[in-house]
Amino acid sequence: MKPVKKYQPSNGTEGMYFTDKFCMNCLHCDPNPEGKKQCQILCNAMAYHFTDSGYPKEWIYDENDNPICTSWQKWDWDNNGDPDDPDNPNAPPPPVPDNQLMLFSVADDILQNHVTPNKETKLV
């Protein structure tokens, strides 16, 4: 397996091309500069300076040596609207929690329903 190679635009023109291709039509970034949702990855890339943390780890080269953002999720802000609007029928479904978060929902269920765990209670 080929090691992951980080991507950093070599100049402003290349950077604008990349952000137009990915950031401006992504679920995580409202292309309106006054919009309420701005991508932390893009903000970190714009404010980047040489630190130990390095350039955003999400900006890499794919297997064909094309620059990509691994967090990119296609979203048409003009036609699909605000993805965070609860009344938006185009809004994506909420993320599925990982197993650690499931522990909290099980604990909440026990507390809310006053279930007392015993030997037969199986916490999944």
Protein backbone atom coordinates (compact mmCIF):
# COMPACT_ATOMS: atom_id res chain seq x y z
CA MET A 1 0.00 0.00 0.00
CA LYS A 2 1.27 3.44 -0.99
CA PRO A 3 1.81 5.93 1.89
CA VAL A 4 -0.62 8.86 2.13
CA LYS A 5 0.83 12.05 0.66
CA LYS A 6 -0.51 15.33 2.05
CA TYR A 7 -1.73 17.97 -0.39
CA GLN A 8 -0.92 21.63 -0.16
CA PRO A 9 -1.65 23.98 -3.09
CA SER A 10 1.55 25.34 -4.61
CA ASN A 11 0.06 28.79 -5.27
CA GLY A 12 -3.10 30.87 -4.92
CA THR A 13 -4.52 29.86 -8.31
CA GLU A 14 -4.19 26.17 -7.52
CA GLY A 15 -5.68 26.79 -4.07
CA MET A 16 -8.69 28.62 -5.55
CA TYR A 17 -9.25 25.79 -8.04
CA PHE A 18 -9.17 23.22 -5.21
CA THR A 19 -11.54 25.18 -2.94
CA ASP A 20 -13.95 25.83 -5.84
CA LYS A 21 -13.98 22.14 -6.73
CA PHE A 22 -14.36 20.81 -3.19
CA CYS A 23 -15.10 23.38 -0.49
CA MET A 24 -17.68 25.50 -2.30
CA ASN A 25 -19.97 22.53 -2.98
CA CYS A 26 -19.49 20.63 0.25
CA LEU A 27 -21.94 19.85 3.01
CA HIS A 28 -19.48 21.28 5.56
CA CYS A 29 -18.99 24.75 4.05
CA ASP A 30 -21.58 27.35 3.09
CA PRO A 31 -20.13 29.10 0.00
CA ASN A 32 -21.77 32.36 1.12
CA PRO A 33 -18.99 34.20 3.02
CA GLU A 34 -21.64 35.47 5.43
CA GLY A 35 -23.17 32.01 5.78
CA LYS A 36 -23.47 30.44 9.17
CA LYS A 37 -21.59 27.22 8.37
CA GLN A 38 -17.88 27.42 7.62
CA CYS A 39 -15.57 24.43 7.35
CA GLN A 40 -12.94 24.17 10.05
CA ILE A 41 -10.63 22.31 7.66
CA LEU A 42 -10.70 25.19 5.16
CA CYS A 43 -10.24 27.74 7.95
CA ASN A 44 -7.24 25.81 9.25
CA ALA A 45 -5.73 25.64 5.76
CA MET A 46 -6.15 29.39 5.26
CA ALA A 47 -4.65 30.21 8.65
CA TYR A 48 -1.93 27.60 8.34
CA HIS A 49 1.54 28.40 9.46
CA PHE A 50 4.39 25.98 9.98
CA THR A 51 3.55 24.28 13.26
CA ASP A 52 3.83 20.79 14.66
CA SER A 53 0.23 20.07 13.69
CA GLY A 54 1.03 20.50 10.00
CA TYR A 55 -1.33 21.13 7.12
CA PRO A 56 -4.89 19.68 7.32
CA LYS A 57 -4.68 15.89 7.28
CA GLU A 58 -7.89 15.73 5.21
CA TRP A 59 -6.21 17.28 2.16
CA ILE A 60 -4.31 14.46 0.48
CA TYR A 61 -3.51 12.97 -2.91
CA ASP A 62 -5.69 10.02 -3.95
CA GLU A 63 -4.44 6.81 -5.59
CA ASN A 64 -4.29 8.63 -8.97
CA ASP A 65 -2.25 11.52 -7.50
CA ASN A 66 -5.21 13.91 -7.65
CA PRO A 67 -5.70 16.25 -4.70
CA ILE A 68 -8.84 15.52 -2.66
CA CYS A 69 -10.43 16.34 0.69
CA THR A 70 -11.32 13.17 2.58
CA SER A 71 -14.14 14.96 4.45
CA TRP A 72 -15.80 16.27 1.29
CA GLN A 73 -19.51 15.49 0.92
CA LYS A 74 -21.20 16.88 -2.18
CA TRP A 75 -23.89 19.44 -1.41
CA ASP A 76 -25.63 21.93 -3.74
CA TRP A 77 -26.35 24.88 -1.46
CA ASP A 78 -28.40 26.70 -4.12
CA ASN A 79 -30.78 23.80 -4.84
CA ASN A 80 -30.64 21.72 -1.65
CA GLY A 81 -30.78 24.56 0.88
CA ASP A 82 -29.36 24.58 4.39
CA PRO A 83 -28.42 21.04 5.46
CA ASP A 84 -28.87 21.97 9.13
CA ASP A 85 -32.47 23.14 8.70
CA PRO A 86 -34.66 20.50 10.44
CA ASP A 87 -37.49 21.21 7.98
CA ASN A 88 -35.29 20.69 4.91
CA PRO A 89 -36.41 17.48 3.15
CA ASN A 90 -32.99 17.29 1.43
CA ALA A 91 -31.06 17.32 4.71
CA PRO A 92 -28.76 14.34 5.18
CA PRO A 93 -29.63 11.81 7.86
CA PRO A 94 -27.88 12.23 11.20
CA PRO A 95 -24.61 10.34 11.55
CA VAL A 96 -24.74 6.84 12.99
CA PRO A 97 -23.09 6.86 16.40
CA ASP A 98 -20.08 4.68 16.96
CA ASN A 99 -20.06 2.00 19.66
CA GLN A 100 -18.70 4.29 22.38
CA LEU A 101 -21.59 6.68 21.96
CA MET A 102 -23.99 3.77 22.07
CA LEU A 103 -22.86 3.11 25.64
CA PHE A 104 -24.24 6.47 26.67
CA SER A 105 -27.60 5.84 25.01
CA VAL A 106 -27.86 2.51 26.82
CA ALA A 107 -27.01 4.21 30.11
CA ASP A 108 -29.57 6.96 29.41
CA ASP A 109 -32.20 4.33 28.66
CA ILE A 110 -31.47 2.60 31.94
CA LEU A 111 -31.68 5.86 33.88
CA GLN A 112 -34.81 7.14 32.13
CA ASN A 113 -36.70 3.87 32.39
CA HIS A 114 -35.47 3.09 35.90
CA VAL A 115 -34.17 -0.27 34.76
CA THR A 116 -31.92 -1.86 37.33
CA PRO A 117 -29.22 -3.94 35.69
CA ASN A 118 -28.87 -7.46 37.06
CA LYS A 119 -27.15 -10.65 35.95
CA GLU A 120 -29.60 -11.15 33.08
CA THR A 121 -29.46 -7.52 31.85
CA LYS A 122 -27.37 -7.45 28.75
CA LEU A 123 -25.72 -4.15 27.89
CA VAL A 124 -24.87 -4.19 24.21
